């Protein structure tokens, strides 16, 4: 059971663990710790706001929370791919900055008072 890794699909992960748990017969805290050991922090954070009464209820809640997190990540990937243009060429070194001129060379400060040589 320790070799089972969560790879982004909560249904597959829980199914594999439940099948192996038929022989192992883990229950209670030991079962919950085993299930939660490989999950990402985001799923565990969502799960921490909910209460479970028994093992079956915990697995059902975990499945719902995991699906919500996976859907959120999938929507984020889709939105990122839609909003980001793919054909932008990278700026070349030495190209003008966003200000409209090259900021590599700074203009000297001429705020010193000038002497009048008119006398």
N, C-alpha and C. Protein backbone atom coordinates (compact mmCIF):
# COMPACT_ATOMS: atom_id res chain seq x y z
N UNK A 1 0.83 -1.20 0.00
CA UNK A 1 0.00 0.00 0.00
C UNK A 1 0.87 1.26 0.00
N UNK A 2 2.08 1.15 0.54
CA UNK A 2 2.96 2.32 0.59
C UNK A 2 3.45 2.74 -0.79
N UNK A 3 3.38 1.85 -1.76
CA UNK A 3 3.89 2.15 -3.10
C UNK A 3 2.87 2.88 -3.98
N UNK A 4 1.63 2.94 -3.53
CA UNK A 4 0.59 3.62 -4.31
C UNK A 4 0.80 5.12 -4.18
N UNK A 5 0.87 5.79 -5.33
CA UNK A 5 1.10 7.23 -5.36
C UNK A 5 -0.12 7.93 -5.98
N UNK A 6 -0.42 9.11 -5.46
CA UNK A 6 -1.48 9.93 -6.05
C UNK A 6 -0.90 10.64 -7.26
N UNK A 7 -1.52 10.43 -8.42
CA UNK A 7 -1.00 11.00 -9.67
C UNK A 7 -2.02 11.91 -10.35
N UNK A 8 -2.85 12.57 -9.57
CA UNK A 8 -3.78 13.54 -10.14
C UNK A 8 -5.18 13.03 -10.37
N UNK A 9 -5.46 11.78 -10.08
CA UNK A 9 -6.79 11.22 -10.23
C UNK A 9 -7.21 10.57 -8.92
N UNK A 10 -8.09 11.23 -8.19
CA UNK A 10 -8.48 10.76 -6.87
C UNK A 10 -9.25 9.44 -6.93
N UNK A 11 -10.07 9.27 -7.97
CA UNK A 11 -10.85 8.03 -8.08
C UNK A 11 -9.95 6.81 -8.23
N UNK A 12 -8.95 6.91 -9.08
CA UNK A 12 -8.02 5.80 -9.29
C UNK A 12 -7.23 5.51 -8.03
N UNK A 13 -6.76 6.56 -7.39
CA UNK A 13 -5.97 6.42 -6.17
C UNK A 13 -6.78 5.72 -5.07
N UNK A 14 -8.00 6.17 -4.84
CA UNK A 14 -8.83 5.57 -3.79
C UNK A 14 -9.22 4.13 -4.13
N UNK A 15 -9.49 3.86 -5.39
CA UNK A 15 -9.86 2.50 -5.80
C UNK A 15 -8.72 1.53 -5.53
N UNK A 16 -7.51 1.92 -5.91
CA UNK A 16 -6.34 1.05 -5.67
C UNK A 16 -6.14 0.79 -4.17
N UNK A 17 -6.25 1.85 -3.37
CA UNK A 17 -6.07 1.67 -1.93
C UNK A 17 -7.18 0.83 -1.31
N UNK A 18 -8.41 1.01 -1.75
CA UNK A 18 -9.51 0.21 -1.20
C UNK A 18 -9.36 -1.26 -1.58
N UNK A 19 -8.90 -1.53 -2.79
CA UNK A 19 -8.69 -2.92 -3.20
C UNK A 19 -7.59 -3.58 -2.35
N UNK A 20 -6.52 -2.87 -2.08
CA UNK A 20 -5.46 -3.43 -1.25
C UNK A 20 -5.88 -3.53 0.21
N UNK A 21 -6.77 -2.66 0.63
CA UNK A 21 -7.21 -2.67 2.02
C UNK A 21 -8.15 -3.85 2.31
N UNK A 22 -8.66 -4.49 1.30
CA UNK A 22 -9.50 -5.68 1.53
C UNK A 22 -8.68 -6.75 2.25
N UNK A 23 -7.42 -6.90 1.86
CA UNK A 23 -6.56 -7.88 2.52
C UNK A 23 -5.94 -7.32 3.80
N UNK A 24 -5.60 -6.05 3.80
CA UNK A 24 -4.92 -5.46 4.96
C UNK A 24 -5.88 -5.18 6.11
N UNK A 25 -7.12 -4.88 5.83
CA UNK A 25 -8.16 -4.60 6.82
C UNK A 25 -7.81 -3.46 7.78
N UNK A 26 -7.26 -2.38 7.24
CA UNK A 26 -7.01 -1.21 8.08
C UNK A 26 -8.32 -0.48 8.33
N UNK A 27 -8.45 0.09 9.54
CA UNK A 27 -9.66 0.83 9.89
C UNK A 27 -9.29 2.01 10.75
N UNK A 28 -10.21 2.95 10.84
CA UNK A 28 -10.04 4.09 11.73
C UNK A 28 -8.91 5.01 11.33
N UNK A 29 -8.17 5.47 12.33
CA UNK A 29 -7.10 6.44 12.12
C UNK A 29 -6.01 5.88 11.22
N UNK A 30 -5.65 4.63 11.40
CA UNK A 30 -4.59 4.02 10.58
C UNK A 30 -4.96 4.05 9.10
N UNK A 31 -6.20 3.75 8.78
CA UNK A 31 -6.68 3.77 7.40
C UNK A 31 -6.68 5.19 6.84
N UNK A 32 -7.14 6.13 7.62
CA UNK A 32 -7.20 7.52 7.17
C UNK A 32 -5.80 8.09 6.94
N UNK A 33 -4.88 7.77 7.83
CA UNK A 33 -3.50 8.24 7.67
C UNK A 33 -2.89 7.64 6.41
N UNK A 34 -3.13 6.38 6.16
CA UNK A 34 -2.61 5.72 4.97
C UNK A 34 -3.15 6.38 3.70
N UNK A 35 -4.43 6.68 3.68
CA UNK A 35 -5.05 7.29 2.51
C UNK A 35 -4.53 8.71 2.30
N UNK A 36 -4.40 9.47 3.37
CA UNK A 36 -4.02 10.88 3.26
C UNK A 36 -2.53 11.10 3.11
N UNK A 37 -1.72 10.07 3.27
CA UNK A 37 -0.27 10.24 3.28
C UNK A 37 0.30 10.74 1.95
N UNK A 38 -0.30 10.39 0.82
CA UNK A 38 0.22 10.76 -0.49
C UNK A 38 -0.52 11.91 -1.16
N UNK A 39 -1.51 12.45 -0.48
CA UNK A 39 -2.32 13.51 -1.09
C UNK A 39 -1.63 14.86 -1.02
N UNK A 40 -1.86 15.73 -2.00
CA UNK A 40 -1.27 17.08 -1.96
C UNK A 40 -1.88 17.93 -0.85
N UNK A 41 -1.14 18.95 -0.46
CA UNK A 41 -1.56 19.82 0.63
C UNK A 41 -2.88 20.53 0.35
N UNK A 42 -3.14 20.88 -0.90
CA UNK A 42 -4.38 21.59 -1.23
C UNK A 42 -5.61 20.74 -0.93
N UNK A 43 -5.55 19.46 -1.24
CA UNK A 43 -6.68 18.57 -0.94
C UNK A 43 -6.82 18.40 0.56
N UNK A 44 -5.71 18.22 1.25
CA UNK A 44 -5.76 18.05 2.71
C UNK A 44 -6.29 19.31 3.39
N UNK A 45 -5.96 20.47 2.86
CA UNK A 45 -6.45 21.72 3.44
C UNK A 45 -7.97 21.82 3.28
N UNK A 46 -8.47 21.46 2.10
CA UNK A 46 -9.92 21.46 1.91
C UNK A 46 -10.60 20.45 2.81
N UNK A 47 -9.96 19.30 2.96
CA UNK A 47 -10.53 18.23 3.77
C UNK A 47 -10.56 18.59 5.26
N UNK A 48 -9.62 19.42 5.70
CA UNK A 48 -9.54 19.76 7.11
C UNK A 48 -10.73 20.58 7.60
N UNK A 49 -11.47 21.18 6.69
CA UNK A 49 -12.64 21.99 7.06
C UNK A 49 -13.89 21.14 7.25
N UNK A 50 -13.80 19.87 6.90
CA UNK A 50 -14.96 18.98 6.97
C UNK A 50 -14.75 17.92 8.04
N UNK A 51 -15.85 17.41 8.57
CA UNK A 51 -15.77 16.37 9.59
C UNK A 51 -16.29 15.06 9.04
N UNK A 52 -15.67 13.98 9.48
CA UNK A 52 -16.07 12.63 9.05
C UNK A 52 -16.57 11.84 10.25
N UNK A 53 -17.63 11.09 10.04
CA UNK A 53 -18.17 10.29 11.14
C UNK A 53 -17.59 8.87 11.16
N UNK A 54 -17.41 8.28 9.98
CA UNK A 54 -16.82 6.94 9.90
C UNK A 54 -15.95 6.83 8.65
N UNK A 55 -15.34 5.67 8.45
CA UNK A 55 -14.40 5.50 7.33
C UNK A 55 -15.07 5.66 5.97
N UNK A 56 -16.25 5.11 5.81
CA UNK A 56 -16.95 5.23 4.52
C UNK A 56 -17.30 6.68 4.21
N UNK A 57 -17.75 7.40 5.23
CA UNK A 57 -18.07 8.81 5.05
C UNK A 57 -16.81 9.60 4.72
N UNK A 58 -15.68 9.27 5.34
CA UNK A 58 -14.42 9.96 5.07
C UNK A 58 -13.96 9.74 3.63
N UNK A 59 -14.08 8.52 3.13
CA UNK A 59 -13.67 8.23 1.76
C UNK A 59 -14.58 8.96 0.78
N UNK A 60 -15.88 8.99 1.06
CA UNK A 60 -16.82 9.69 0.19
C UNK A 60 -16.51 11.19 0.17
N UNK A 61 -16.25 11.77 1.34
CA UNK A 61 -15.90 13.19 1.44
C UNK A 61 -14.58 13.47 0.73
N UNK A 62 -13.61 12.61 0.92
CA UNK A 62 -12.31 12.77 0.27
C UNK A 62 -12.44 12.71 -1.25
N UNK A 63 -13.28 11.83 -1.73
CA UNK A 63 -13.50 11.72 -3.18
C UNK A 63 -14.11 13.02 -3.73
N UNK A 64 -15.08 13.57 -3.03
CA UNK A 64 -15.71 14.82 -3.48
C UNK A 64 -14.72 15.99 -3.45
N UNK A 65 -13.96 16.10 -2.37
CA UNK A 65 -12.98 17.18 -2.23
C UNK A 65 -11.89 17.04 -3.29
N UNK A 66 -11.43 15.82 -3.51
CA UNK A 66 -10.40 15.58 -4.52
C UNK A 66 -10.86 15.93 -5.92
N UNK A 67 -12.08 15.57 -6.23
CA UNK A 67 -12.63 15.91 -7.55
C UNK A 67 -12.74 17.42 -7.73
N UNK A 68 -13.18 18.12 -6.69
CA UNK A 68 -13.27 19.59 -6.77
C UNK A 68 -11.90 20.21 -7.02
N UNK A 69 -10.89 19.73 -6.32
CA UNK A 69 -9.54 20.27 -6.49
C UNK A 69 -9.00 19.97 -7.89
N UNK A 70 -9.24 18.76 -8.39
CA UNK A 70 -8.79 18.39 -9.72
C UNK A 70 -9.48 19.22 -10.80
N UNK A 71 -10.78 19.48 -10.62
CA UNK A 71 -11.52 20.33 -11.56
C UNK A 71 -10.99 21.77 -11.54
N UNK A 72 -10.67 22.26 -10.36
CA UNK A 72 -10.11 23.61 -10.24
C UNK A 72 -8.77 23.70 -10.97
N UNK A 73 -7.92 22.73 -10.79
CA UNK A 73 -6.63 22.73 -11.48
C UNK A 73 -6.80 22.64 -12.99
N UNK A 74 -7.75 21.82 -13.43
CA UNK A 74 -8.00 21.67 -14.86
C UNK A 74 -8.53 22.97 -15.47
N UNK A 75 -9.45 23.64 -14.76
CA UNK A 75 -9.95 24.93 -15.25
C UNK A 75 -8.84 25.96 -15.32
N UNK A 76 -7.94 25.94 -14.34
CA UNK A 76 -6.82 26.87 -14.35
C UNK A 76 -5.91 26.64 -15.54
N UNK A 77 -5.66 25.39 -15.88
CA UNK A 77 -4.83 25.09 -17.05
C UNK A 77 -5.51 25.55 -18.33
N UNK A 78 -6.82 25.32 -18.43
CA UNK A 78 -7.55 25.74 -19.63
C UNK A 78 -7.56 27.25 -19.77
N UNK A 79 -7.83 27.95 -18.68
CA UNK A 79 -7.86 29.41 -18.74
C UNK A 79 -6.49 29.98 -19.07
N UNK A 80 -5.46 29.39 -18.54
CA UNK A 80 -4.11 29.86 -18.82
C UNK A 80 -3.76 29.67 -20.29
N UNK A 81 -4.15 28.53 -20.86
CA UNK A 81 -3.83 28.28 -22.27
C UNK A 81 -4.67 29.15 -23.20
N UNK A 82 -5.86 29.53 -22.77
CA UNK A 82 -6.71 30.39 -23.60
C UNK A 82 -6.23 31.84 -23.54
N UNK A 83 -5.85 32.33 -22.36
CA UNK A 83 -5.52 33.73 -22.21
C UNK A 83 -4.08 34.06 -22.61
N UNK A 84 -3.20 33.09 -22.70
CA UNK A 84 -1.81 33.35 -23.04
C UNK A 84 -1.60 33.17 -24.53
N UNK A 85 -1.17 34.21 -25.23
CA UNK A 85 -0.88 34.04 -26.65
C UNK A 85 0.37 33.17 -26.82
N UNK A 86 0.33 32.28 -27.78
CA UNK A 86 1.41 31.32 -27.96
C UNK A 86 2.47 31.80 -28.93
N UNK A 87 2.21 32.80 -29.73
CA UNK A 87 3.14 33.16 -30.78
C UNK A 87 3.92 34.44 -30.48
N UNK A 88 4.11 34.77 -29.23
CA UNK A 88 4.89 35.94 -28.88
C UNK A 88 6.36 35.61 -28.99
N UNK A 89 7.08 36.42 -29.73
CA UNK A 89 8.52 36.22 -29.85
C UNK A 89 9.20 36.84 -28.64
N UNK A 90 10.21 36.20 -28.09
CA UNK A 90 10.89 36.79 -26.94
C UNK A 90 11.67 38.02 -27.35
N UNK A 91 11.80 38.97 -26.42
CA UNK A 91 12.53 40.19 -26.70
C UNK A 91 14.01 39.86 -26.85
N UNK A 92 14.65 40.57 -27.76
CA UNK A 92 16.07 40.39 -27.94
C UNK A 92 16.84 41.24 -26.95
N UNK A 93 18.03 40.82 -26.67
CA UNK A 93 18.88 41.57 -25.76
C UNK A 93 19.22 42.91 -26.39
N UNK A 94 19.12 43.97 -25.63
CA UNK A 94 19.43 45.30 -26.12
C UNK A 94 18.27 45.99 -26.79
N UNK A 95 17.12 45.34 -26.85
CA UNK A 95 15.95 45.95 -27.47
C UNK A 95 15.41 47.03 -26.56
N UNK A 96 14.73 48.01 -27.11
CA UNK A 96 14.20 49.12 -26.34
C UNK A 96 13.26 48.62 -25.25
N UNK A 97 13.30 49.28 -24.13
CA UNK A 97 12.47 48.86 -23.00
C UNK A 97 11.04 49.34 -23.20
N UNK A 98 10.22 49.08 -22.20
CA UNK A 98 8.81 49.47 -22.26
C UNK A 98 8.63 50.98 -22.23
N UNK A 99 9.64 51.71 -21.78
CA UNK A 99 9.53 53.17 -21.67
C UNK A 99 9.74 53.84 -23.02
N UNK A 100 10.18 53.12 -24.02
CA UNK A 100 10.34 53.71 -25.33
C UNK A 100 11.77 54.10 -25.65
N UNK A 101 12.69 53.90 -24.74
CA UNK A 101 14.10 54.18 -25.01
C UNK A 101 14.94 53.18 -24.24
N UNK A 102 16.18 53.11 -24.60
CA UNK A 102 17.08 52.16 -23.97
C UNK A 102 17.55 52.71 -22.63
N UNK A 103 17.30 52.00 -21.56
CA UNK A 103 17.66 52.47 -20.23
C UNK A 103 19.04 52.00 -19.83
N UNK A 104 19.74 51.35 -20.74
CA UNK A 104 21.07 50.86 -20.42
C UNK A 104 22.03 52.03 -20.18
N UNK A 105 21.87 53.10 -20.95
CA UNK A 105 22.72 54.27 -20.80
C UNK A 105 21.91 55.37 -20.13
N UNK A 106 22.40 55.82 -19.00
CA UNK A 106 21.68 56.86 -18.26
C UNK A 106 22.24 58.23 -18.61
N UNK A 107 21.37 59.19 -18.64
CA UNK A 107 21.76 60.56 -18.92
C UNK A 107 22.38 61.16 -17.67
N UNK A 108 23.46 61.91 -17.85
CA UNK A 108 24.13 62.53 -16.71
C UNK A 108 23.23 63.60 -16.11
N UNK A 109 23.36 63.78 -14.83
CA UNK A 109 22.54 64.75 -14.11
C UNK A 109 23.15 66.14 -14.27
N UNK A 110 22.45 67.04 -14.94
CA UNK A 110 22.92 68.41 -15.16
C UNK A 110 22.18 69.40 -14.28
N UNK A 111 21.87 69.05 -13.06
CA UNK A 111 21.14 69.94 -12.17
C UNK A 111 22.07 70.86 -11.38
N UNK A 112 23.36 70.86 -11.67
CA UNK A 112 24.31 71.73 -10.97
C UNK A 112 24.11 73.18 -11.42
N UNK A 113 24.26 74.13 -10.51
CA UNK A 113 24.13 75.54 -10.93
C UNK A 113 25.28 75.93 -11.84
N UNK A 114 24.96 76.67 -12.87
CA UNK A 114 25.97 77.09 -13.86
C UNK A 114 26.52 78.47 -13.47
N UNK A 115 27.78 78.65 -13.77
CA UNK A 115 28.41 79.96 -13.54
C UNK A 115 28.21 80.84 -14.76
N UNK A 116 27.83 82.06 -14.53
CA UNK A 116 27.69 83.00 -15.64
C UNK A 116 29.04 83.64 -15.91
N UNK A 117 29.51 83.55 -17.11
CA UNK A 117 30.77 84.17 -17.52
C UNK A 117 30.51 85.43 -18.35
N UNK A 118 29.41 86.08 -18.13
CA UNK A 118 29.04 87.23 -18.92
C UNK A 118 29.71 88.51 -18.45
N UNK A 119 30.41 88.57 -17.32
CA UNK A 119 31.00 89.81 -16.88
C UNK A 119 32.32 90.14 -17.49
